[in-house]
Each structure stands twice: as C-alpha cells, then as structure tokens.
Protein backbone atom coordinates (compact mmCIF):
# COMPACT_ATOMS: atom_id res chain seq x y z
CA MET A 1 0.00 0.00 0.00
CA PRO A 2 1.39 3.46 -0.91
CA PRO A 3 2.43 5.74 1.96
CA ASP A 4 -0.25 7.96 3.48
CA PRO A 5 0.32 11.66 2.59
CA ARG A 6 -1.39 12.69 5.84
CA VAL A 7 1.35 10.93 7.81
CA LEU A 8 4.07 12.78 5.91
CA LEU A 9 2.35 16.16 6.22
CA GLY A 10 1.77 15.57 9.92
CA ALA A 11 5.42 14.69 10.52
CA LEU A 12 6.60 17.77 8.61
CA VAL A 13 4.30 20.05 10.63
CA LEU A 14 5.46 18.45 13.90
CA ASP A 15 9.11 19.00 12.98
CA TRP A 16 8.43 22.64 12.11
CA LEU A 17 6.37 23.36 15.24
CA ALA A 18 7.92 21.16 17.93
CA GLY A 19 11.38 20.01 16.91
CA GLU A 20 12.92 16.97 18.59
CA PRO A 21 11.21 14.79 21.21
CA PRO A 22 12.93 14.30 24.59
CA VAL A 23 16.06 12.15 24.56
CA ALA A 24 14.40 9.45 26.65
CA CYS A 25 11.76 8.81 23.98
CA HIS A 26 13.74 9.55 20.81
CA PRO A 27 14.02 6.49 18.52
CA VAL A 28 17.31 7.66 16.97
CA VAL A 29 18.79 7.90 20.48
CA TRP A 30 17.54 4.36 21.13
CA MET A 31 19.36 3.26 17.98
CA GLY A 32 22.55 4.73 19.42
CA TRP A 33 22.02 2.96 22.73
CA ALA A 34 21.52 -0.34 20.88
CA LEU A 35 24.75 0.20 18.94
CA ASP A 36 26.63 0.94 22.16
CA ARG A 37 25.37 -2.32 23.63
CA CYS A 38 26.17 -4.25 20.47
CA GLU A 39 29.72 -2.92 20.54
CA THR A 40 30.29 -4.43 23.98
CA TRP A 41 29.49 -7.87 22.51
CA ALA A 42 31.76 -7.53 19.46
CA PRO A 43 34.81 -9.76 18.97
CA ALA A 44 38.04 -7.96 19.81
CA SER A 45 39.62 -8.17 16.35
CA GLY A 46 39.98 -10.13 13.15
CA PRO A 47 37.46 -11.43 10.61
CA GLY A 48 34.93 -12.15 13.35
CA ARG A 49 34.80 -8.47 14.32
CA ARG A 50 34.25 -7.43 10.70
CA ALA A 51 31.54 -10.07 10.19
CA TYR A 52 29.83 -9.10 13.43
CA GLY A 53 29.82 -5.44 12.37
CA MET A 54 28.25 -6.32 9.05
CA LEU A 55 25.60 -8.43 10.78
CA VAL A 56 24.66 -5.55 13.09
CA ALA A 57 24.71 -3.06 10.19
CA LEU A 58 22.11 -5.16 8.38
CA SER A 59 20.07 -6.36 11.35
CA LEU A 60 19.49 -2.97 12.97
CA PRO A 61 17.79 -1.37 9.93
CA LEU A 62 15.76 -4.50 9.26
CA GLY A 63 14.62 -4.66 12.87
CA TRP A 64 13.55 -1.03 12.95
CA ALA A 65 11.82 -1.41 9.59
CA ALA A 66 9.82 -4.35 10.97
CA VAL A 67 8.76 -2.35 14.04
CA ALA A 68 7.79 0.64 11.89
CA ARG A 69 5.77 -1.58 9.56
CA VAL A 70 3.75 -3.00 12.45
CA ILE A 71 3.02 0.53 13.72
CA GLU A 72 2.07 1.65 10.22
CA ARG A 73 -0.49 -1.13 9.94
CA ARG A 74 -2.03 -0.94 13.39
CA VAL A 75 -2.26 2.67 14.55
CA PRO A 76 -4.22 5.64 13.15
CA TRP A 77 -2.45 8.12 10.92
CA PRO A 78 -2.00 10.91 13.54
CA LEU A 79 -0.01 8.52 15.72
CA GLN A 80 1.92 7.36 12.66
CA ALA A 81 2.88 11.00 12.00
CA LEU A 82 4.07 11.30 15.59
CA VAL A 83 6.23 8.19 15.16
CA LEU A 84 7.57 9.25 11.76
CA LYS A 85 8.63 12.70 12.96
CA PRO A 86 11.86 11.63 14.79
CA SER A 87 13.25 10.28 11.51
CA LEU A 88 13.37 13.93 10.36
CA ALA A 89 15.49 16.56 12.08
CA GLY A 90 15.19 19.72 10.02
CA ARG A 91 14.38 22.20 12.77
CA ALA A 92 17.09 20.81 15.06
CA LEU A 93 19.71 21.03 12.29
CA LEU A 94 18.93 24.66 11.50
CA ALA A 95 18.85 25.55 15.21
CA ALA A 96 22.29 24.02 15.77
CA GLY A 97 23.66 26.01 12.83
CA HIS A 98 22.10 29.19 14.22
CA GLU A 99 23.78 28.64 17.59
CA VAL A 100 27.22 28.44 15.97
CA GLU A 101 26.41 31.47 13.80
CA GLN A 102 25.43 33.57 16.82
CA SER A 103 28.57 32.63 18.75
CA LEU A 104 30.82 33.42 15.78
CA GLY A 105 29.04 36.73 15.27
CA ARG A 106 29.89 37.70 18.86
CA GLY A 107 33.48 36.57 18.46
CA ASP A 108 32.86 33.80 21.00
CA LEU A 109 35.02 31.03 19.56
CA ALA A 110 34.65 28.86 22.66
CA GLY A 111 30.87 29.03 22.36
CA ALA A 112 31.07 28.30 18.62
CA ARG A 113 33.25 25.25 19.28
CA ALA A 114 30.79 24.01 21.90
CA GLY A 115 27.83 24.53 19.56
CA LEU A 116 29.64 22.85 16.70
CA ARG A 117 29.90 19.62 18.68
CA ALA A 118 26.17 19.12 18.07
CA LEU A 119 26.90 19.09 14.33
CA VAL A 120 30.27 17.39 13.78
CA SER A 121 32.38 14.60 15.21
CA ARG A 122 35.74 16.14 14.24
CA PRO A 123 37.92 17.77 16.94
CA THR A 124 37.03 21.45 17.31
CA ALA A 125 39.45 22.70 19.98
CA HIS A 126 41.98 24.21 17.56
CA LEU A 127 39.64 25.50 14.84
CA ASP A 128 39.68 29.25 14.16
CA GLY A 129 36.68 31.30 13.06
CA PRO A 130 36.76 30.48 9.31
CA LEU A 131 37.33 26.78 9.95
CA LEU A 132 34.50 26.71 12.50
CA ALA A 133 32.19 28.34 9.96
CA ALA A 134 33.36 25.93 7.25
CA ALA A 135 32.74 22.90 9.47
CA ALA A 136 29.24 24.12 10.33
CA ILE A 137 28.39 24.81 6.67
CA GLU A 138 29.65 21.37 5.64
CA SER A 139 27.58 19.74 8.37
CA LEU A 140 24.45 21.67 7.38
CA ALA A 141 24.88 20.46 3.79
CA GLU A 142 25.67 16.86 4.72
CA ASN A 143 22.83 16.61 7.23
CA LEU A 144 20.41 18.05 4.70
CA VAL A 145 20.79 14.58 3.18
CA ASP A 146 21.15 12.40 6.28
CA SER A 147 18.38 13.87 8.41
CA TRP A 148 16.00 15.19 5.75
CA VAL A 149 16.21 14.28 2.06
CA ALA A 150 17.14 10.61 2.55
CA PRO A 151 14.43 9.73 5.11
CA LEU A 152 11.87 11.64 3.03
CA LEU A 153 12.84 9.70 -0.07
CA ALA A 154 12.81 6.43 1.86
CA PHE A 155 9.30 7.21 3.15
CA CYS A 156 8.11 8.00 -0.37
CA GLY A 157 9.34 4.62 -1.55
CA TRP A 158 8.71 2.30 1.39
CA GLY A 159 6.69 4.20 3.98
CA MET A 160 7.67 4.50 7.62
CA ALA A 161 9.65 1.26 7.41
CA GLY A 162 11.90 2.80 4.78
CA ALA A 163 12.46 5.99 6.78
CA TYR A 164 13.39 4.09 9.92
CA ALA A 165 15.59 1.58 8.10
CA TYR A 166 17.54 4.46 6.59
CA ARG A 167 17.94 6.30 9.89
CA ALA A 168 19.15 3.12 11.59
CA ALA A 169 21.72 2.51 8.85
CA ASN A 170 22.85 6.13 8.93
CA THR A 171 23.12 6.12 12.72
CA ALA A 172 25.30 3.00 12.56
CA ASP A 173 27.57 4.75 10.07
CA ALA A 174 27.69 7.91 12.21
CA MET A 175 28.75 5.91 15.26
CA TRP A 176 30.89 3.16 13.74
CA GLY A 177 31.88 4.29 10.25
CA TYR A 178 35.37 5.58 11.08
CA ARG A 179 38.77 4.47 9.78
CA SER A 180 40.20 4.37 13.28
CA PRO A 181 41.73 1.34 15.01
CA ARG A 182 38.58 0.99 17.07
CA TYR A 183 36.13 0.97 14.16
CA ALA A 184 38.09 0.06 11.00
CA GLU A 185 36.82 -3.52 11.15
CA LEU A 186 33.64 -3.14 13.18
CA GLY A 187 32.24 -0.24 11.15
CA SER A 188 33.20 -1.24 7.62
CA GLY A 189 29.81 -2.83 6.91
CA ALA A 190 27.90 0.17 8.30
CA ALA A 191 29.98 2.58 6.23
CA ARG A 192 29.47 0.66 2.98
CA LEU A 193 25.73 0.26 3.55
CA ASP A 194 25.33 3.98 4.23
CA ASP A 195 27.32 4.81 1.10
CA VAL A 196 24.89 2.74 -0.98
CA LEU A 197 21.70 4.00 0.68
CA SER A 198 22.80 7.66 0.55
CA TRP A 199 24.02 7.66 -3.06
CA LEU A 200 20.77 8.87 -4.64
CA PRO A 201 19.63 11.14 -1.76
CA ALA A 202 22.99 12.96 -1.79
CA ARG A 203 22.61 13.82 -5.45
CA LEU A 204 18.99 14.83 -4.99
CA GLY A 205 20.08 17.02 -2.08
CA ALA A 206 22.69 18.66 -4.31
CA ALA A 207 19.99 19.27 -6.93
CA CYS A 208 17.77 20.91 -4.29
CA LEU A 209 20.64 23.19 -3.26
CA LEU A 210 21.13 24.11 -6.90
CA LEU A 211 17.45 25.01 -7.23
CA ALA A 212 17.61 26.99 -3.97
CA THR A 213 20.45 29.31 -5.03
CA SER A 214 20.65 32.17 -7.51
CA ARG A 215 24.37 31.43 -8.08
CA ARG A 216 23.73 28.32 -10.14
CA ALA A 217 26.71 28.65 -12.48
CA ASP A 218 29.15 28.96 -9.56
CA ALA A 219 27.44 26.13 -7.68
CA LEU A 220 27.62 23.81 -10.68
CA ALA A 221 31.27 24.68 -11.34
CA ALA A 222 32.27 23.96 -7.74
CA TRP A 223 30.26 20.74 -7.76
CA TRP A 224 31.84 19.59 -11.03
CA HIS A 225 35.41 20.24 -9.88
CA ASP A 226 35.24 19.34 -6.18
CA ALA A 227 32.40 16.89 -5.46
CA ARG A 228 34.81 13.94 -5.49
CA ARG A 229 37.48 15.52 -3.28
CA THR A 230 35.98 14.39 0.04
CA ALA A 231 36.53 11.01 1.67
CA SER A 232 32.81 10.24 1.44
CA PRO A 233 31.49 9.56 -2.08
CA ASN A 234 28.25 11.29 -1.08
CA ALA A 235 29.04 14.16 1.30
CA GLY A 236 31.13 15.94 -1.32
CA GLN A 237 28.10 16.26 -3.60
CA VAL A 238 26.23 18.62 -1.30
CA MET A 239 29.30 20.22 0.31
CA ALA A 240 30.78 21.28 -3.02
CA MET A 241 27.42 22.51 -4.28
CA ALA A 242 26.96 24.56 -1.10
CA ALA A 243 30.48 26.02 -1.38
CA GLY A 244 29.78 27.28 -4.90
CA ALA A 245 26.29 28.48 -4.04
CA LEU A 246 27.64 30.52 -1.11
CA GLY A 247 30.84 31.64 -2.84
CA VAL A 248 33.08 30.46 0.01
CA ARG A 249 36.06 28.16 0.55
CA LEU A 250 35.29 25.09 2.65
CA GLU A 251 38.31 23.44 4.21
CA LYS A 252 38.85 20.49 6.50
CA ARG A 253 42.50 20.48 7.40
CA ALA A 254 44.50 17.51 6.12
CA HIS A 255 41.42 16.22 4.28
CA HIS A 256 40.00 18.49 1.59
CA VAL A 257 39.51 22.01 0.24
CA LEU A 258 36.36 22.81 -1.73
CA HIS A 259 35.99 25.87 -3.99
CA GLY A 260 39.52 26.81 -2.98
CA GLN A 261 39.74 30.09 -4.94
CA ALA A 262 36.89 31.65 -2.91
CA PRO A 263 37.28 33.59 0.37
CA PRO A 264 36.88 31.75 3.69
CA PRO A 265 33.42 31.76 5.29
CA THR A 266 32.27 34.04 8.11
CA SER A 267 29.33 34.03 10.50
CA ALA A 268 27.37 35.86 7.78
CA SER A 269 28.19 33.01 5.38
CA LEU A 270 26.82 30.57 7.93
CA GLY A 271 23.58 32.54 8.08
CA GLN A 272 23.35 32.36 4.29
CA ALA A 273 24.01 28.62 4.48
CA ARG A 274 21.15 28.15 6.94
CA ARG A 275 18.77 29.96 4.62
CA LEU A 276 20.02 28.00 1.61
CA VAL A 277 19.55 24.67 3.40
CA ALA A 278 16.14 25.72 4.73
CA THR A 279 15.01 26.52 1.18
CA ALA A 280 16.34 23.18 -0.05
CA MET A 281 14.46 21.47 2.78
CA ALA A 282 11.23 23.19 1.79
CA LEU A 283 11.72 22.19 -1.85
CA SER A 284 12.45 18.56 -1.03
CA ALA A 285 9.53 18.39 1.41
CA GLY A 286 7.16 19.77 -1.21
CA LEU A 287 8.42 17.35 -3.84
CA SER A 288 8.04 14.46 -1.38
CA VAL A 289 4.43 15.36 -0.66
CA LEU A 290 3.68 15.56 -4.40
CA LEU A 291 5.34 12.18 -4.97
CA VAL A 292 3.35 10.51 -2.19
CA LEU A 293 0.11 12.05 -3.47
CA ALA A 294 0.89 10.80 -6.97
CA ARG A 295 1.60 7.28 -5.69
CA ARG A 296 -1.62 7.35 -3.67
CA ARG A 297 -3.70 8.29 -6.70
CA ARG A 298 -2.16 5.51 -8.77
CA GLY A 299 -2.29 2.90 -6.01
C-alpha cells in the first residue's frame, strides 16, 4: 500500500512546530544505545569483528523497519505522523547552525566550538573562526541529506519502514563508520551500507541546493570540480554545491579544500548557508508530498 500523505504532512508540521522529542523517547537515540550495547558484545579483532559489524549493520535497519511496519499497519495516521517525525530533524539542524552562527558573530570562539559539537564529530578545539564556519556549513549540507532528504525519499518509496531503516543505517555509520583502530573492522559494513543508501539522496540534495540558489553557475562549477574531493562519495556532492552556491572556501585540514579560490566563510556566510539549506528542505519536502500524493492516486 502506498504511503499515506497525511502521515508525511503531519510529521513535517510536527518538525516545524515542535522540533525533537525528549532524549528518553527519541528512537534515533535508542538506535545509538543499541549500537553501544552491540559494541560491547563484538569480537576484539579479526574477521569475526568485521563479520559481526556487518551483521549488526544489516540487522538494525531490518529490525527497525519491521517495528515501523507494524506501527504503520495498526495505529491511526495521527499517531503514525508522531512516530515518523523523529526520523526527520530539520528544525534541530537549523537551530544548531544558528547557535554556531550567533557565537561566531559575537566573536565567542569557545561558544562556537561548543555549539559545533552538536553538528560534527571532528575535533574542534583548535579551529579558528573560518574553519569553524566551514565545518558548520559542511555539516548543514551533509545533514540536509542524512536527516532530511534521505528519510523523506525512503518514506516516499517504502513508507515509515523505509524511513526508519535508513535512519538506523545512517546512525550506525555515524557511530561506527570511522577508519580508526577501534572501528576500521567493526564499522566497515555500516559505512558501505550507508554509502549505498545515501548515493541517490545525496545527489537529490545537491539538486535541491542548486534550485535553492541564484548562483547556479558557480554552484555547478564547484560541484563539477570538487564533489569527489571528500573522503565520502556522497558528502562531497552537497558540500561542493553549497560552497559554490555561497561563494566560500570550505576546508577540513588535512582532508580536503572545496571551492579553494573563494574567500573563507564568516558568520554571515553561515547565516546564508542556513537559509540555503532551509530553502532546499522546503523544496524537497514539497516534492516528497507531491510524490506521495501521486503514488496514492495511482495505487
């Protein structure tokens, strides 16, 4: 049965009006708790650790999809909207970006570093103002995909089960998908699965950013030259597009430079990035509603 457009509209309105539910009842937080517990049971090293990581990377999304499917079949649509909402985090993402922007605008680098920790996992202690702004802009662009476009697309295709399966896979990658001694083996399966699931949403997110900007020629040029410069095959798509759309240089030391001929970003650039991402969110949300309505009419 095609997804119910009322559920999607309800979840979008809840995100806009209320933001995130409390930590104690947030499904994405529960996913993180489950991954923490699973890590304590993992083999210490070797092929068994890699195989265990792959098993968890597959089982967690399938388990959440099964739970979401049961809810979708047994509860009325307003409750379904309430359950779907935590798979989307648009308001929270923009609020976190605004906090960093305000701190940078006041010259409060310590406050900006503290606020940035809600957006990125990279060390922030030694980042200066331009690098803090760049990190925040990159995170806004990347999370446009992870916490908005991808779950919306998954819902359009497979209903609430799809949205929750994606968020579980993405959460596993966010927690385990590092090339560090601790996670190189354990997180390899999660990282590869997220790369596959995010391939199309990342490119749709880049297209939404392109539609949202008036600097389309610059955005396309930066995307064409720099989208493959990041370690992730997907994050670079939206990061490079955002760099060109904003006319700024985005740098992660020892990793990549995007749109390198442009000036470094400022707090004002971060404000422009928030507005750009918010517009892209509105576009992708509208397109998602239209797609679900079209599927409903056909189905």
